[in-house]
N, C-alpha and C. Protein backbone atom coordinates (compact mmCIF):
# COMPACT_ATOMS: atom_id res chain seq x y z
N MET A 1 -3.37 15.78 42.66
CA MET A 1 -4.19 16.34 41.61
C MET A 1 -3.29 17.09 40.64
N LYS A 2 -3.59 16.95 39.39
CA LYS A 2 -2.85 17.67 38.36
C LYS A 2 -3.83 18.50 37.54
N LEU A 3 -3.48 19.77 37.32
CA LEU A 3 -4.29 20.66 36.49
C LEU A 3 -3.56 20.89 35.18
N VAL A 4 -4.29 20.73 34.08
CA VAL A 4 -3.71 20.91 32.75
C VAL A 4 -4.51 22.00 32.03
N PRO A 5 -3.91 23.19 31.84
CA PRO A 5 -4.60 24.24 31.10
C PRO A 5 -4.85 23.81 29.65
N ARG A 6 -6.00 24.12 29.15
CA ARG A 6 -6.36 23.82 27.76
C ARG A 6 -6.69 25.12 27.05
N ASN A 7 -5.72 25.60 26.27
CA ASN A 7 -5.86 26.83 25.49
C ASN A 7 -5.51 26.52 24.04
N PRO A 8 -6.48 26.10 23.24
CA PRO A 8 -6.18 25.81 21.83
C PRO A 8 -5.54 27.03 21.16
N ALA A 9 -4.55 26.77 20.32
CA ALA A 9 -3.84 27.85 19.64
C ALA A 9 -4.51 28.27 18.34
N GLU A 10 -5.36 27.41 17.79
CA GLU A 10 -6.01 27.72 16.52
C GLU A 10 -7.52 27.52 16.62
N GLY A 11 -8.25 28.30 15.83
CA GLY A 11 -9.69 28.12 15.73
C GLY A 11 -10.48 28.80 16.83
N ILE A 12 -9.81 29.55 17.72
CA ILE A 12 -10.50 30.25 18.80
C ILE A 12 -9.67 31.48 19.17
N TYR A 13 -10.32 32.46 19.74
CA TYR A 13 -9.60 33.67 20.18
C TYR A 13 -8.61 33.29 21.29
N PRO A 14 -7.52 34.02 21.39
CA PRO A 14 -6.51 33.67 22.39
C PRO A 14 -6.97 34.00 23.81
N ALA A 15 -6.53 33.17 24.75
CA ALA A 15 -6.77 33.46 26.16
C ALA A 15 -5.83 34.57 26.59
N THR A 16 -6.17 35.24 27.68
CA THR A 16 -5.30 36.28 28.21
C THR A 16 -4.39 35.68 29.28
N GLU A 17 -3.45 36.47 29.77
CA GLU A 17 -2.50 35.96 30.76
C GLU A 17 -3.15 35.52 32.06
N ASP A 18 -4.31 36.10 32.40
CA ASP A 18 -4.97 35.78 33.67
C ASP A 18 -6.18 34.87 33.51
N TYR A 19 -6.26 34.17 32.40
CA TYR A 19 -7.47 33.41 32.06
C TYR A 19 -7.08 32.21 31.22
N VAL A 20 -7.75 31.09 31.40
CA VAL A 20 -7.60 29.94 30.51
C VAL A 20 -8.98 29.56 30.00
N HIS A 21 -9.03 29.03 28.78
CA HIS A 21 -10.32 28.61 28.23
C HIS A 21 -10.90 27.44 29.00
N ALA A 22 -10.04 26.51 29.40
CA ALA A 22 -10.52 25.33 30.12
C ALA A 22 -9.38 24.78 30.97
N MET A 23 -9.76 24.07 32.02
CA MET A 23 -8.78 23.44 32.89
C MET A 23 -9.16 21.98 33.06
N GLU A 24 -8.27 21.11 32.62
CA GLU A 24 -8.48 19.68 32.81
C GLU A 24 -7.96 19.32 34.20
N MET A 25 -8.75 18.59 34.94
CA MET A 25 -8.38 18.18 36.28
C MET A 25 -8.18 16.67 36.29
N ARG A 26 -6.99 16.25 36.70
CA ARG A 26 -6.68 14.82 36.75
C ARG A 26 -6.39 14.39 38.18
N ASP A 27 -6.87 13.22 38.52
CA ASP A 27 -6.58 12.60 39.81
C ASP A 27 -7.02 13.43 41.01
N ALA A 28 -8.11 14.12 40.90
CA ALA A 28 -8.65 14.85 42.05
C ALA A 28 -9.41 13.86 42.94
N GLU A 29 -9.19 13.95 44.22
CA GLU A 29 -9.86 13.06 45.16
C GLU A 29 -11.11 13.69 45.75
N ARG A 30 -11.18 15.02 45.75
CA ARG A 30 -12.34 15.68 46.33
C ARG A 30 -12.59 17.02 45.66
N MET A 31 -13.84 17.46 45.72
CA MET A 31 -14.22 18.74 45.13
C MET A 31 -15.00 19.54 46.16
N LEU A 32 -14.82 20.85 46.12
CA LEU A 32 -15.51 21.75 47.02
C LEU A 32 -16.26 22.77 46.18
N PHE A 33 -17.56 22.82 46.31
CA PHE A 33 -18.40 23.78 45.59
C PHE A 33 -18.75 24.90 46.57
N VAL A 34 -18.26 26.10 46.29
CA VAL A 34 -18.43 27.23 47.20
C VAL A 34 -19.57 28.11 46.71
N SER A 35 -20.50 28.37 47.61
CA SER A 35 -21.63 29.26 47.29
C SER A 35 -21.13 30.63 46.90
N GLY A 36 -21.99 31.41 46.32
CA GLY A 36 -21.65 32.79 46.04
C GLY A 36 -21.21 33.46 47.34
N THR A 37 -20.02 34.03 47.33
CA THR A 37 -19.45 34.65 48.52
C THR A 37 -19.43 36.16 48.31
N VAL A 38 -19.92 36.89 49.30
CA VAL A 38 -20.01 38.34 49.18
C VAL A 38 -19.04 39.02 50.13
N GLY A 39 -18.90 40.32 49.98
CA GLY A 39 -17.95 41.11 50.75
C GLY A 39 -18.49 41.58 52.08
N LEU A 40 -18.83 40.60 52.93
CA LEU A 40 -19.31 40.91 54.26
C LEU A 40 -18.22 40.65 55.29
N ALA A 41 -18.12 41.55 56.26
CA ALA A 41 -17.22 41.34 57.39
C ALA A 41 -17.83 40.26 58.29
N PRO A 42 -17.05 39.70 59.22
CA PRO A 42 -17.59 38.67 60.11
C PRO A 42 -18.85 39.10 60.87
N GLN A 43 -19.01 40.39 61.10
CA GLN A 43 -20.21 40.89 61.79
C GLN A 43 -21.42 40.98 60.86
N GLY A 44 -21.23 40.67 59.57
CA GLY A 44 -22.33 40.68 58.62
C GLY A 44 -22.52 41.99 57.89
N ARG A 45 -21.63 42.95 58.08
CA ARG A 45 -21.73 44.24 57.39
C ARG A 45 -20.94 44.22 56.10
N PRO A 46 -21.50 44.78 55.01
CA PRO A 46 -20.74 44.84 53.77
C PRO A 46 -19.65 45.90 53.83
N GLY A 47 -18.56 45.66 53.08
CA GLY A 47 -17.54 46.69 52.93
C GLY A 47 -18.15 47.94 52.33
N ALA A 48 -17.61 49.10 52.70
CA ALA A 48 -18.18 50.37 52.26
C ALA A 48 -17.88 50.69 50.80
N THR A 49 -16.79 50.10 50.26
CA THR A 49 -16.39 50.39 48.89
C THR A 49 -16.23 49.09 48.12
N LEU A 50 -16.12 49.21 46.82
CA LEU A 50 -15.88 48.04 45.98
C LEU A 50 -14.58 47.36 46.39
N ALA A 51 -13.52 48.13 46.60
CA ALA A 51 -12.23 47.56 46.98
C ALA A 51 -12.34 46.81 48.31
N GLU A 52 -13.03 47.38 49.28
CA GLU A 52 -13.20 46.70 50.56
C GLU A 52 -13.98 45.41 50.40
N GLN A 53 -15.03 45.43 49.58
CA GLN A 53 -15.82 44.22 49.38
C GLN A 53 -15.00 43.14 48.69
N LEU A 54 -14.19 43.52 47.71
CA LEU A 54 -13.35 42.53 47.04
C LEU A 54 -12.33 41.93 48.02
N ASP A 55 -11.74 42.76 48.87
CA ASP A 55 -10.81 42.25 49.88
C ASP A 55 -11.53 41.27 50.81
N LEU A 56 -12.74 41.61 51.24
CA LEU A 56 -13.51 40.73 52.13
C LEU A 56 -13.90 39.43 51.43
N ILE A 57 -14.29 39.53 50.17
CA ILE A 57 -14.66 38.32 49.43
C ILE A 57 -13.49 37.35 49.41
N TRP A 58 -12.31 37.84 49.07
CA TRP A 58 -11.15 36.94 48.98
C TRP A 58 -10.73 36.44 50.35
N ALA A 59 -10.87 37.26 51.38
CA ALA A 59 -10.59 36.78 52.75
C ALA A 59 -11.59 35.69 53.13
N ASN A 60 -12.86 35.91 52.79
CA ASN A 60 -13.90 34.92 53.09
C ASN A 60 -13.65 33.62 52.32
N LEU A 61 -13.27 33.74 51.04
CA LEU A 61 -12.97 32.54 50.25
C LEU A 61 -11.79 31.77 50.84
N ARG A 62 -10.75 32.48 51.26
CA ARG A 62 -9.60 31.80 51.87
C ARG A 62 -10.01 31.08 53.15
N THR A 63 -10.91 31.68 53.94
CA THR A 63 -11.39 31.05 55.17
C THR A 63 -12.19 29.78 54.86
N ILE A 64 -13.05 29.86 53.87
CA ILE A 64 -13.85 28.69 53.47
C ILE A 64 -12.95 27.58 52.95
N LEU A 65 -12.00 27.94 52.10
CA LEU A 65 -11.07 26.95 51.57
C LEU A 65 -10.25 26.31 52.68
N ALA A 66 -9.78 27.11 53.62
CA ALA A 66 -8.98 26.59 54.73
C ALA A 66 -9.76 25.58 55.56
N ALA A 67 -11.07 25.80 55.68
CA ALA A 67 -11.91 24.85 56.43
C ALA A 67 -11.92 23.48 55.78
N ALA A 68 -11.59 23.43 54.48
CA ALA A 68 -11.52 22.16 53.74
C ALA A 68 -10.06 21.77 53.49
N ASP A 69 -9.14 22.39 54.23
CA ASP A 69 -7.70 22.15 54.03
C ASP A 69 -7.28 22.42 52.59
N MET A 70 -7.77 23.53 52.04
CA MET A 70 -7.43 23.95 50.68
C MET A 70 -6.97 25.40 50.71
N THR A 71 -6.40 25.84 49.59
CA THR A 71 -5.99 27.23 49.40
C THR A 71 -6.53 27.70 48.06
N VAL A 72 -6.23 28.94 47.70
CA VAL A 72 -6.66 29.44 46.40
C VAL A 72 -6.04 28.63 45.26
N ASP A 73 -4.94 27.95 45.51
CA ASP A 73 -4.34 27.11 44.47
C ASP A 73 -5.21 25.92 44.11
N ASN A 74 -6.20 25.60 44.95
CA ASN A 74 -7.12 24.51 44.67
C ASN A 74 -8.32 24.95 43.83
N ILE A 75 -8.48 26.25 43.64
CA ILE A 75 -9.61 26.74 42.85
C ILE A 75 -9.43 26.32 41.39
N VAL A 76 -10.48 25.75 40.82
CA VAL A 76 -10.43 25.32 39.42
C VAL A 76 -11.45 26.06 38.55
N ARG A 77 -12.33 26.86 39.16
CA ARG A 77 -13.34 27.60 38.39
C ARG A 77 -13.88 28.73 39.23
N LEU A 78 -14.10 29.91 38.61
CA LEU A 78 -14.67 31.07 39.28
C LEU A 78 -15.74 31.72 38.42
N THR A 79 -16.82 32.15 39.06
CA THR A 79 -17.82 32.98 38.40
C THR A 79 -18.06 34.20 39.28
N SER A 80 -17.93 35.38 38.69
CA SER A 80 -18.18 36.63 39.41
C SER A 80 -19.49 37.23 38.93
N TYR A 81 -20.26 37.70 39.88
CA TYR A 81 -21.51 38.40 39.58
C TYR A 81 -21.31 39.85 40.01
N LEU A 82 -21.31 40.75 39.03
CA LEU A 82 -21.03 42.16 39.27
C LEU A 82 -22.32 42.95 39.21
N ARG A 83 -22.54 43.81 40.18
CA ARG A 83 -23.74 44.65 40.18
C ARG A 83 -23.69 45.66 39.02
N ASP A 84 -22.48 46.02 38.59
CA ASP A 84 -22.31 47.00 37.52
C ASP A 84 -21.11 46.60 36.66
N ALA A 85 -21.23 46.76 35.36
CA ALA A 85 -20.14 46.39 34.45
C ALA A 85 -18.86 47.16 34.74
N SER A 86 -18.97 48.34 35.31
CA SER A 86 -17.78 49.14 35.60
C SER A 86 -16.91 48.50 36.68
N TYR A 87 -17.39 47.47 37.35
CA TYR A 87 -16.62 46.79 38.39
C TYR A 87 -15.69 45.72 37.81
N ALA A 88 -15.79 45.46 36.52
CA ALA A 88 -15.06 44.34 35.92
C ALA A 88 -13.55 44.45 36.09
N GLU A 89 -12.99 45.62 35.84
CA GLU A 89 -11.54 45.77 35.92
C GLU A 89 -11.03 45.56 37.35
N ALA A 90 -11.70 46.15 38.32
CA ALA A 90 -11.29 45.99 39.72
C ALA A 90 -11.45 44.54 40.16
N ASN A 91 -12.53 43.90 39.72
CA ASN A 91 -12.74 42.49 40.06
C ASN A 91 -11.63 41.62 39.49
N ALA A 92 -11.27 41.86 38.23
CA ALA A 92 -10.20 41.07 37.60
C ALA A 92 -8.87 41.30 38.31
N ALA A 93 -8.58 42.55 38.65
CA ALA A 93 -7.32 42.85 39.34
C ALA A 93 -7.27 42.17 40.71
N ALA A 94 -8.38 42.18 41.43
CA ALA A 94 -8.44 41.52 42.74
C ALA A 94 -8.24 40.01 42.59
N ARG A 95 -8.84 39.43 41.55
CA ARG A 95 -8.69 38.00 41.30
C ARG A 95 -7.24 37.65 41.00
N VAL A 96 -6.61 38.42 40.11
CA VAL A 96 -5.22 38.16 39.74
C VAL A 96 -4.33 38.24 40.98
N GLU A 97 -4.54 39.27 41.79
CA GLU A 97 -3.73 39.42 43.01
C GLU A 97 -3.98 38.26 43.98
N ALA A 98 -5.23 37.92 44.19
CA ALA A 98 -5.57 36.86 45.14
C ALA A 98 -5.05 35.50 44.70
N LEU A 99 -5.09 35.24 43.40
CA LEU A 99 -4.65 33.94 42.90
C LEU A 99 -3.14 33.85 42.71
N GLY A 100 -2.46 34.98 42.71
CA GLY A 100 -1.01 34.98 42.68
C GLY A 100 -0.39 34.18 41.55
N GLY A 101 -0.93 34.31 40.34
CA GLY A 101 -0.37 33.61 39.18
C GLY A 101 -1.10 32.32 38.82
N HIS A 102 -1.95 31.84 39.71
CA HIS A 102 -2.76 30.65 39.42
C HIS A 102 -3.91 31.08 38.51
N VAL A 103 -3.97 30.55 37.29
CA VAL A 103 -5.03 30.94 36.36
C VAL A 103 -6.08 29.84 36.28
N VAL A 104 -7.33 30.26 36.16
CA VAL A 104 -8.45 29.32 36.10
C VAL A 104 -9.47 29.85 35.09
N PRO A 105 -10.36 28.99 34.62
CA PRO A 105 -11.46 29.47 33.80
C PRO A 105 -12.35 30.40 34.64
N THR A 106 -12.68 31.54 34.09
CA THR A 106 -13.50 32.52 34.81
C THR A 106 -14.61 33.05 33.92
N THR A 107 -15.66 33.48 34.56
CA THR A 107 -16.75 34.18 33.88
C THR A 107 -17.19 35.31 34.78
N ALA A 108 -17.47 36.46 34.20
CA ALA A 108 -18.04 37.58 34.95
C ALA A 108 -19.39 37.91 34.32
N ILE A 109 -20.38 38.06 35.16
CA ILE A 109 -21.74 38.33 34.73
C ILE A 109 -22.23 39.59 35.43
N VAL A 110 -22.87 40.48 34.70
CA VAL A 110 -23.49 41.64 35.32
C VAL A 110 -24.91 41.24 35.70
N ALA A 111 -25.19 41.35 37.00
CA ALA A 111 -26.49 40.89 37.51
C ALA A 111 -26.85 41.69 38.75
N GLY A 112 -28.13 41.76 39.03
CA GLY A 112 -28.57 42.34 40.29
C GLY A 112 -28.25 41.37 41.41
N THR A 113 -27.77 41.87 42.53
CA THR A 113 -27.54 41.01 43.68
C THR A 113 -28.78 41.06 44.57
N LEU A 114 -28.90 40.10 45.47
CA LEU A 114 -30.10 40.03 46.30
C LEU A 114 -30.22 41.20 47.27
N VAL A 115 -29.10 41.75 47.65
CA VAL A 115 -29.08 42.92 48.54
C VAL A 115 -28.33 44.02 47.82
N SER A 116 -28.91 45.20 47.74
CA SER A 116 -28.31 46.27 46.93
C SER A 116 -26.93 46.69 47.42
N ASP A 117 -26.60 46.47 48.69
CA ASP A 117 -25.27 46.83 49.21
C ASP A 117 -24.18 45.86 48.76
N TRP A 118 -24.56 44.70 48.25
CA TRP A 118 -23.58 43.72 47.77
C TRP A 118 -23.19 44.10 46.35
N LEU A 119 -21.94 44.48 46.14
CA LEU A 119 -21.50 44.96 44.83
C LEU A 119 -20.98 43.84 43.94
N VAL A 120 -20.42 42.81 44.55
CA VAL A 120 -19.85 41.66 43.82
C VAL A 120 -20.14 40.41 44.62
N GLU A 121 -20.37 39.32 43.91
CA GLU A 121 -20.51 38.00 44.53
C GLU A 121 -19.70 37.04 43.69
N ILE A 122 -18.92 36.17 44.32
CA ILE A 122 -18.07 35.24 43.59
C ILE A 122 -18.34 33.83 44.07
N GLU A 123 -18.63 32.93 43.12
CA GLU A 123 -18.75 31.51 43.47
C GLU A 123 -17.56 30.77 42.84
N SER A 124 -17.19 29.68 43.46
CA SER A 124 -16.02 28.96 42.97
C SER A 124 -16.17 27.47 43.16
N ILE A 125 -15.32 26.76 42.44
CA ILE A 125 -15.17 25.32 42.62
C ILE A 125 -13.69 25.08 42.88
N ALA A 126 -13.41 24.28 43.88
CA ALA A 126 -12.04 23.92 44.23
C ALA A 126 -11.93 22.40 44.22
N ALA A 127 -10.74 21.91 44.00
CA ALA A 127 -10.53 20.47 43.98
C ALA A 127 -9.17 20.16 44.60
N GLY A 128 -9.08 18.97 45.12
CA GLY A 128 -7.82 18.56 45.72
C GLY A 128 -7.61 17.08 45.62
């Protein structure tokens, strides 16, 4: 599989270092659509803080990806659902750290989560 970032230089606002406007995917043999993943520990309890929940979300995503013989490098799209807009900076920092330089198209939406203890939910698409 080959990923080709698409960031037009003219006629649109510039992308940031941790974001691309679009990602072209070539020669992918399979795709994995990951449900919204929340910051729950294996016992089903949410992390007590935003930082803990973000750590759990990325650990959970890595576990799901590994079950499909994939890693975060296979992620081609992310959508974050934030309970509060003030979580945006921490969410972005956690994403940048978790992806380790791999940039993908992302969207963050402020929305109510189904359970008030869930502060962030992230859904993703991966390909390989």
